[in-house]
């Protein structure tokens, strides 16, 4: 039975820098946007807020939908990834609340795009999508008849 993993991610930008979380995977540091899986009893927007808090300690509301990516990982795991935008007025201290996150970094787009530490090609695509400037209102996502 086909069951893609539904994930959320946030491109968080302030002062021309992007917030990246670093985690250790198979002994190597890997960079990603604050991201994670949709859980039961939450909307994708609520999931994005929760993941942002867990991975960075920042409370912020997504401002727009940037993109929905359908991706199949090298191990053949299928993903649907909802990507949101959060533009902050200034870089703020980010402190991981999740033990799986080693640290948070504010980096330039060039630093991210040139890195060989990216967790997946979606990290690059997310920055490139952000730079294109196209945004979609959050209202295009409808939690239809959800009891929560």
N, C-alpha and C. Protein backbone atom coordinates (compact mmCIF):
# COMPACT_ATOMS: atom_id res chain seq x y z
N UNK A 1 0.84 -1.17 0.00
CA UNK A 1 0.00 0.00 0.00
C UNK A 1 0.89 1.24 0.00
N UNK A 2 0.59 2.18 -0.87
CA UNK A 2 1.37 3.42 -0.98
C UNK A 2 0.95 4.39 0.11
N UNK A 3 1.90 4.80 0.94
CA UNK A 3 1.65 5.77 2.01
C UNK A 3 2.83 6.72 2.11
N UNK A 4 2.76 7.86 1.42
CA UNK A 4 3.86 8.81 1.51
C UNK A 4 3.94 9.43 2.90
N UNK A 5 5.14 9.78 3.31
CA UNK A 5 5.34 10.51 4.56
C UNK A 5 4.95 11.96 4.30
N UNK A 6 4.11 12.50 5.16
CA UNK A 6 3.72 13.90 5.05
C UNK A 6 4.60 14.68 6.01
N UNK A 7 5.36 15.63 5.47
CA UNK A 7 6.25 16.44 6.29
C UNK A 7 5.98 17.92 6.05
N UNK A 8 6.48 18.71 6.97
CA UNK A 8 6.39 20.17 6.89
C UNK A 8 7.79 20.74 7.10
N UNK A 9 8.01 21.92 6.55
CA UNK A 9 9.28 22.61 6.75
C UNK A 9 9.03 24.11 6.67
N UNK A 10 9.92 24.87 7.31
CA UNK A 10 9.82 26.33 7.29
C UNK A 10 11.12 26.94 6.81
N UNK A 11 11.01 27.79 5.79
CA UNK A 11 12.14 28.63 5.41
C UNK A 11 11.99 29.89 6.26
N UNK A 12 12.89 30.03 7.23
CA UNK A 12 12.86 31.16 8.15
C UNK A 12 13.98 32.10 7.74
N UNK A 13 13.60 33.35 7.43
CA UNK A 13 14.56 34.33 6.92
C UNK A 13 14.51 35.58 7.78
N UNK A 14 15.68 36.14 8.03
CA UNK A 14 15.81 37.43 8.72
C UNK A 14 17.14 38.06 8.31
N UNK A 15 17.10 39.31 7.95
CA UNK A 15 18.32 40.06 7.63
C UNK A 15 19.17 39.34 6.57
N UNK A 16 18.51 38.79 5.55
CA UNK A 16 19.19 38.08 4.46
C UNK A 16 19.95 36.84 4.91
N UNK A 17 19.53 36.26 6.02
CA UNK A 17 20.08 35.00 6.51
C UNK A 17 18.93 34.03 6.71
N UNK A 18 19.25 32.75 6.62
CA UNK A 18 18.26 31.70 6.76
C UNK A 18 18.59 30.82 7.96
N UNK A 19 17.55 30.44 8.69
CA UNK A 19 17.73 29.60 9.87
C UNK A 19 17.84 28.14 9.45
N UNK A 20 18.92 27.52 9.83
CA UNK A 20 19.21 26.12 9.53
C UNK A 20 19.38 25.37 10.84
N UNK A 21 18.88 24.14 10.87
CA UNK A 21 19.12 23.28 12.02
C UNK A 21 20.14 22.22 11.62
N UNK A 22 21.02 21.93 12.55
CA UNK A 22 22.06 20.92 12.32
C UNK A 22 21.78 19.73 13.21
N UNK A 23 21.81 18.54 12.60
CA UNK A 23 21.64 17.30 13.34
C UNK A 23 22.69 16.31 12.87
N UNK A 24 22.97 15.33 13.70
CA UNK A 24 23.95 14.32 13.34
C UNK A 24 23.21 13.09 12.82
N UNK A 25 23.52 12.71 11.58
CA UNK A 25 22.91 11.54 10.96
C UNK A 25 24.03 10.62 10.51
N UNK A 26 24.01 9.40 11.01
CA UNK A 26 25.05 8.41 10.70
C UNK A 26 26.45 8.99 10.97
N UNK A 27 26.57 9.74 12.07
CA UNK A 27 27.85 10.28 12.49
C UNK A 27 28.29 11.55 11.78
N UNK A 28 27.46 12.07 10.88
CA UNK A 28 27.83 13.27 10.12
C UNK A 28 26.86 14.42 10.38
N UNK A 29 27.39 15.65 10.47
CA UNK A 29 26.49 16.80 10.63
C UNK A 29 25.72 17.03 9.33
N UNK A 30 24.41 17.26 9.46
CA UNK A 30 23.54 17.51 8.30
C UNK A 30 22.67 18.72 8.59
N UNK A 31 22.49 19.54 7.54
CA UNK A 31 21.69 20.76 7.66
C UNK A 31 20.34 20.58 7.01
N UNK A 32 19.34 21.21 7.62
CA UNK A 32 17.98 21.18 7.11
C UNK A 32 17.26 22.44 7.55
N UNK A 33 16.15 22.73 6.92
CA UNK A 33 15.25 23.72 7.46
C UNK A 33 14.58 23.08 8.68
N UNK A 34 14.06 23.89 9.61
CA UNK A 34 13.25 23.29 10.68
C UNK A 34 12.11 22.51 10.01
N UNK A 35 12.02 21.23 10.32
CA UNK A 35 11.10 20.36 9.58
C UNK A 35 10.79 19.10 10.37
N UNK A 36 9.72 18.44 9.97
CA UNK A 36 9.37 17.17 10.59
C UNK A 36 8.06 16.64 10.04
N UNK A 37 7.58 15.59 10.67
CA UNK A 37 6.39 14.88 10.20
C UNK A 37 5.10 15.46 10.78
N UNK A 38 4.07 15.39 9.98
CA UNK A 38 2.72 15.70 10.43
C UNK A 38 2.30 14.63 11.42
N UNK A 39 1.73 15.06 12.55
CA UNK A 39 1.25 14.12 13.55
C UNK A 39 -0.27 14.10 13.55
N UNK A 40 -0.83 13.05 14.16
CA UNK A 40 -2.28 12.95 14.28
C UNK A 40 -2.84 14.15 15.03
N UNK A 41 -4.02 14.55 14.69
CA UNK A 41 -4.74 15.62 15.38
C UNK A 41 -4.07 16.99 15.26
N UNK A 42 -3.43 17.26 14.12
CA UNK A 42 -2.93 18.61 13.87
C UNK A 42 -3.02 18.90 12.37
N UNK A 43 -3.15 20.17 12.06
CA UNK A 43 -3.13 20.59 10.66
C UNK A 43 -1.67 20.73 10.22
N UNK A 44 -1.44 20.86 8.92
CA UNK A 44 -0.06 21.02 8.46
C UNK A 44 0.52 22.34 8.97
N UNK A 45 -0.30 23.36 9.12
CA UNK A 45 0.19 24.65 9.65
C UNK A 45 0.56 24.49 11.12
N UNK A 46 -0.27 23.80 11.88
CA UNK A 46 0.07 23.54 13.28
C UNK A 46 1.34 22.69 13.39
N UNK A 47 1.50 21.74 12.49
CA UNK A 47 2.71 20.90 12.49
C UNK A 47 3.94 21.76 12.23
N UNK A 48 3.84 22.70 11.29
CA UNK A 48 4.97 23.59 11.00
C UNK A 48 5.34 24.42 12.22
N UNK A 49 4.34 24.94 12.91
CA UNK A 49 4.61 25.73 14.12
C UNK A 49 5.25 24.87 15.21
N UNK A 50 4.73 23.66 15.39
CA UNK A 50 5.27 22.76 16.40
C UNK A 50 6.72 22.38 16.09
N UNK A 51 6.98 21.99 14.84
CA UNK A 51 8.34 21.61 14.46
C UNK A 51 9.31 22.78 14.61
N UNK A 52 8.86 23.98 14.24
CA UNK A 52 9.71 25.16 14.42
C UNK A 52 10.07 25.33 15.89
N UNK A 53 9.09 25.21 16.77
CA UNK A 53 9.35 25.34 18.21
C UNK A 53 10.28 24.23 18.69
N UNK A 54 9.99 22.99 18.33
CA UNK A 54 10.80 21.88 18.83
C UNK A 54 12.25 21.98 18.38
N UNK A 55 12.47 22.41 17.15
CA UNK A 55 13.83 22.40 16.61
C UNK A 55 14.60 23.69 16.82
N UNK A 56 13.89 24.80 17.12
CA UNK A 56 14.58 26.09 17.26
C UNK A 56 14.20 26.88 18.51
N UNK A 57 13.12 26.50 19.18
CA UNK A 57 12.65 27.27 20.33
C UNK A 57 11.95 28.56 19.94
N UNK A 58 11.64 28.73 18.68
CA UNK A 58 10.99 29.96 18.19
C UNK A 58 9.50 29.70 17.99
N UNK A 59 8.70 30.61 18.54
CA UNK A 59 7.25 30.60 18.30
C UNK A 59 6.98 31.59 17.18
N UNK A 60 6.50 31.10 16.03
CA UNK A 60 6.16 31.98 14.92
C UNK A 60 5.11 31.30 14.06
N UNK A 61 4.30 32.11 13.44
CA UNK A 61 3.24 31.64 12.55
C UNK A 61 3.72 31.66 11.11
N UNK A 62 3.58 30.57 10.37
CA UNK A 62 3.88 30.65 8.94
C UNK A 62 3.07 31.76 8.29
N UNK A 63 3.70 32.48 7.38
CA UNK A 63 3.05 33.62 6.73
C UNK A 63 2.49 33.27 5.37
N UNK A 64 3.06 32.25 4.73
CA UNK A 64 2.60 31.85 3.40
C UNK A 64 3.08 30.43 3.12
N UNK A 65 2.40 29.81 2.17
CA UNK A 65 2.85 28.53 1.65
C UNK A 65 3.80 28.83 0.50
N UNK A 66 4.94 28.21 0.53
CA UNK A 66 5.93 28.44 -0.52
C UNK A 66 5.81 27.39 -1.62
N UNK A 67 5.68 26.13 -1.24
CA UNK A 67 5.65 25.06 -2.24
C UNK A 67 5.21 23.77 -1.57
N UNK A 68 4.70 22.85 -2.35
CA UNK A 68 4.49 21.47 -1.92
C UNK A 68 5.38 20.62 -2.82
N UNK A 69 6.31 19.92 -2.21
CA UNK A 69 7.23 19.07 -2.96
C UNK A 69 6.82 17.60 -2.81
N UNK A 70 6.81 16.89 -3.91
CA UNK A 70 6.69 15.43 -3.88
C UNK A 70 8.07 14.90 -4.21
N UNK A 71 8.61 14.08 -3.33
CA UNK A 71 10.00 13.63 -3.48
C UNK A 71 10.10 12.18 -3.06
N UNK A 72 10.95 11.43 -3.74
CA UNK A 72 11.26 10.06 -3.35
C UNK A 72 12.74 10.04 -2.96
N UNK A 73 12.99 9.70 -1.71
CA UNK A 73 14.35 9.66 -1.18
C UNK A 73 15.13 8.52 -1.84
N UNK A 74 16.46 8.56 -1.74
CA UNK A 74 17.28 7.49 -2.33
C UNK A 74 16.91 6.08 -1.84
N UNK A 75 16.38 5.99 -0.61
CA UNK A 75 15.98 4.68 -0.10
C UNK A 75 14.56 4.30 -0.54
N UNK A 76 14.00 5.09 -1.47
CA UNK A 76 12.67 4.85 -2.07
C UNK A 76 11.51 5.27 -1.17
N UNK A 77 11.79 5.99 -0.07
CA UNK A 77 10.72 6.50 0.78
C UNK A 77 10.07 7.70 0.11
N UNK A 78 8.74 7.67 -0.09
CA UNK A 78 8.06 8.80 -0.72
C UNK A 78 7.66 9.86 0.32
N UNK A 79 7.80 11.12 -0.08
CA UNK A 79 7.46 12.23 0.80
C UNK A 79 6.56 13.24 0.08
N UNK A 80 5.65 13.83 0.83
CA UNK A 80 4.95 15.06 0.44
C UNK A 80 5.36 16.09 1.48
N UNK A 81 6.02 17.16 1.04
CA UNK A 81 6.59 18.15 1.97
C UNK A 81 5.94 19.50 1.73
N UNK A 82 5.25 20.01 2.75
CA UNK A 82 4.64 21.32 2.71
C UNK A 82 5.66 22.33 3.23
N UNK A 83 6.01 23.29 2.39
CA UNK A 83 7.06 24.26 2.71
C UNK A 83 6.44 25.63 2.96
N UNK A 84 6.73 26.19 4.13
CA UNK A 84 6.18 27.47 4.54
C UNK A 84 7.26 28.54 4.65
N UNK A 85 6.82 29.79 4.61
CA UNK A 85 7.70 30.94 4.74
C UNK A 85 7.43 31.64 6.07
N UNK A 86 8.52 32.00 6.75
CA UNK A 86 8.44 32.86 7.93
C UNK A 86 9.54 33.90 7.77
N UNK A 87 9.15 35.13 7.54
CA UNK A 87 10.10 36.26 7.48
C UNK A 87 10.06 36.98 8.82
N UNK A 88 11.19 37.00 9.49
CA UNK A 88 11.30 37.68 10.78
C UNK A 88 12.00 39.02 10.58
N UNK A 89 11.69 40.01 11.42
CA UNK A 89 12.33 41.31 11.27
C UNK A 89 13.82 41.32 11.61
N UNK A 90 14.25 40.37 12.45
CA UNK A 90 15.66 40.31 12.86
C UNK A 90 16.01 38.87 13.23
N UNK A 91 17.30 38.55 13.14
CA UNK A 91 17.75 37.24 13.58
C UNK A 91 17.62 37.16 15.10
N UNK A 92 16.99 36.13 15.57
CA UNK A 92 16.83 35.94 17.00
C UNK A 92 17.54 34.66 17.41
N UNK A 93 17.85 34.57 18.68
CA UNK A 93 18.52 33.39 19.19
C UNK A 93 17.60 32.18 19.06
N UNK A 94 18.13 31.13 18.50
CA UNK A 94 17.38 29.89 18.32
C UNK A 94 18.05 28.81 19.15
N UNK A 95 17.26 28.19 20.02
CA UNK A 95 17.77 27.16 20.92
C UNK A 95 16.94 25.90 20.74
N UNK A 96 17.55 24.82 20.25
CA UNK A 96 16.79 23.59 20.03
C UNK A 96 16.14 23.09 21.32
N UNK A 97 14.89 22.67 21.20
CA UNK A 97 14.18 22.04 22.31
C UNK A 97 14.19 20.52 22.15
N UNK A 98 14.55 20.07 20.98
CA UNK A 98 14.59 18.64 20.62
C UNK A 98 16.04 18.16 20.71
N UNK A 99 16.25 17.07 21.44
CA UNK A 99 17.62 16.53 21.61
C UNK A 99 18.25 16.06 20.31
N UNK A 100 17.45 15.82 19.27
CA UNK A 100 18.00 15.38 17.98
C UNK A 100 18.68 16.51 17.22
N UNK A 101 18.43 17.76 17.61
CA UNK A 101 19.02 18.91 16.94
C UNK A 101 20.25 19.36 17.74
N UNK A 102 21.39 19.43 17.06
CA UNK A 102 22.64 19.81 17.72
C UNK A 102 22.74 21.31 17.94
N UNK A 103 22.35 22.08 16.91
CA UNK A 103 22.44 23.53 17.01
C UNK A 103 21.66 24.16 15.87
N UNK A 104 21.44 25.47 16.01
CA UNK A 104 20.78 26.27 14.98
C UNK A 104 21.77 27.29 14.46
N UNK A 105 21.71 27.54 13.15
CA UNK A 105 22.64 28.46 12.51
C UNK A 105 21.87 29.44 11.63
N UNK A 106 22.29 30.70 11.63
CA UNK A 106 21.80 31.68 10.67
C UNK A 106 22.86 31.79 9.58
N UNK A 107 22.51 31.39 8.36
CA UNK A 107 23.47 31.36 7.26
C UNK A 107 22.92 32.10 6.04
N UNK A 108 23.83 32.53 5.18
CA UNK A 108 23.40 33.16 3.93
C UNK A 108 22.95 32.07 2.97
N UNK A 109 22.19 32.46 1.97
CA UNK A 109 21.76 31.51 0.94
C UNK A 109 22.98 30.87 0.28
N UNK A 110 24.00 31.67 -0.03
CA UNK A 110 25.20 31.13 -0.68
C UNK A 110 25.88 30.08 0.19
N UNK A 111 25.95 30.31 1.50
CA UNK A 111 26.55 29.32 2.40
C UNK A 111 25.79 27.99 2.35
N UNK A 112 24.48 28.09 2.32
CA UNK A 112 23.65 26.88 2.29
C UNK A 112 23.79 26.17 0.95
N UNK A 113 23.65 26.93 -0.12
CA UNK A 113 23.68 26.33 -1.46
C UNK A 113 25.03 25.70 -1.79
N UNK A 114 26.10 26.19 -1.18
CA UNK A 114 27.44 25.66 -1.45
C UNK A 114 27.82 24.49 -0.52
N UNK A 115 26.97 24.20 0.44
CA UNK A 115 27.33 23.20 1.45
C UNK A 115 27.20 21.76 0.92
N UNK A 116 28.06 20.91 1.45
CA UNK A 116 27.94 19.48 1.18
C UNK A 116 27.35 18.75 2.39
N UNK A 117 26.77 19.51 3.32
CA UNK A 117 26.21 18.94 4.54
C UNK A 117 24.68 18.90 4.53
N UNK A 118 24.05 19.14 3.38
CA UNK A 118 22.59 19.23 3.33
C UNK A 118 21.96 17.85 3.51
N UNK A 119 20.90 17.81 4.28
CA UNK A 119 20.24 16.53 4.56
C UNK A 119 19.62 15.92 3.31
N UNK A 120 19.07 16.77 2.45
CA UNK A 120 18.47 16.29 1.21
C UNK A 120 18.51 17.41 0.18
N UNK A 121 18.23 17.08 -1.09
CA UNK A 121 18.17 18.13 -2.11
C UNK A 121 17.02 19.10 -1.88
N UNK A 122 16.08 18.75 -1.02
CA UNK A 122 14.97 19.66 -0.72
C UNK A 122 15.44 20.92 0.00
N UNK A 123 16.55 20.84 0.71
CA UNK A 123 17.09 22.03 1.38
C UNK A 123 17.48 23.07 0.34
N UNK A 124 18.18 22.65 -0.69
CA UNK A 124 18.55 23.55 -1.78
C UNK A 124 17.31 24.08 -2.48
N UNK A 125 16.40 23.17 -2.83
CA UNK A 125 15.18 23.58 -3.53
C UNK A 125 14.38 24.59 -2.74
N UNK A 126 14.36 24.44 -1.43
CA UNK A 126 13.61 25.37 -0.57
C UNK A 126 14.19 26.77 -0.64
N UNK A 127 15.50 26.88 -0.60
CA UNK A 127 16.14 28.20 -0.71
C UNK A 127 15.88 28.80 -2.08
N UNK A 128 16.02 28.01 -3.13
CA UNK A 128 15.78 28.50 -4.48
C UNK A 128 14.33 28.94 -4.67
N UNK A 129 13.39 28.19 -4.12
CA UNK A 129 11.97 28.57 -4.18
C UNK A 129 11.74 29.89 -3.46
N UNK A 130 12.35 30.05 -2.30
CA UNK A 130 12.21 31.29 -1.55
C UNK A 130 12.72 32.46 -2.39
N UNK A 131 13.86 32.29 -3.03
CA UNK A 131 14.46 33.37 -3.81
C UNK A 131 13.62 33.74 -5.03
N UNK A 132 12.83 32.82 -5.54
CA UNK A 132 11.97 33.12 -6.69
C UNK A 132 10.85 34.09 -6.33
N UNK A 133 10.50 34.15 -5.05
CA UNK A 133 9.55 35.16 -4.59
C UNK A 133 8.08 34.81 -4.67
N UNK A 134 7.72 33.68 -5.23
CA UNK A 134 6.31 33.31 -5.34
C UNK A 134 5.82 32.77 -4.00
N UNK A 135 4.66 33.28 -3.56
CA UNK A 135 4.07 32.86 -2.29
C UNK A 135 2.59 32.56 -2.52
N UNK A 136 2.05 31.64 -1.72
CA UNK A 136 0.63 31.30 -1.79
C UNK A 136 0.01 31.56 -0.43
N UNK A 137 -1.21 32.09 -0.42
CA UNK A 137 -1.85 32.36 0.88
C UNK A 137 -2.13 31.05 1.62
N UNK A 138 -2.06 31.12 2.93
CA UNK A 138 -2.30 29.92 3.74
C UNK A 138 -3.70 29.36 3.52
N UNK A 139 -4.60 30.19 3.04
CA UNK A 139 -5.98 29.75 2.83
C UNK A 139 -6.10 28.69 1.73
N UNK A 140 -5.04 28.48 0.92
CA UNK A 140 -5.11 27.42 -0.08
C UNK A 140 -5.07 26.04 0.58
N UNK A 141 -4.71 25.99 1.86
CA UNK A 141 -4.71 24.75 2.62
C UNK A 141 -5.96 24.77 3.50
N UNK A 142 -6.79 23.77 3.32
CA UNK A 142 -8.06 23.75 4.05
C UNK A 142 -8.13 22.47 4.88
N UNK A 143 -8.20 22.62 6.19
CA UNK A 143 -8.38 21.47 7.08
C UNK A 143 -9.87 21.17 7.13
N UNK A 144 -10.35 20.48 6.12
CA UNK A 144 -11.80 20.24 5.96
C UNK A 144 -12.32 19.23 6.96
N UNK A 145 -13.31 19.64 7.70
CA UNK A 145 -14.01 18.82 8.70
C UNK A 145 -13.07 18.12 9.68
N UNK A 146 -11.98 18.78 10.01
CA UNK A 146 -11.08 18.24 11.03
C UNK A 146 -11.63 18.62 12.40
N UNK A 147 -11.67 17.68 13.33
CA UNK A 147 -12.24 17.97 14.65
C UNK A 147 -11.31 18.78 15.55
N UNK A 148 -10.13 19.13 15.08
CA UNK A 148 -9.16 19.83 15.93
C UNK A 148 -8.95 21.24 15.45
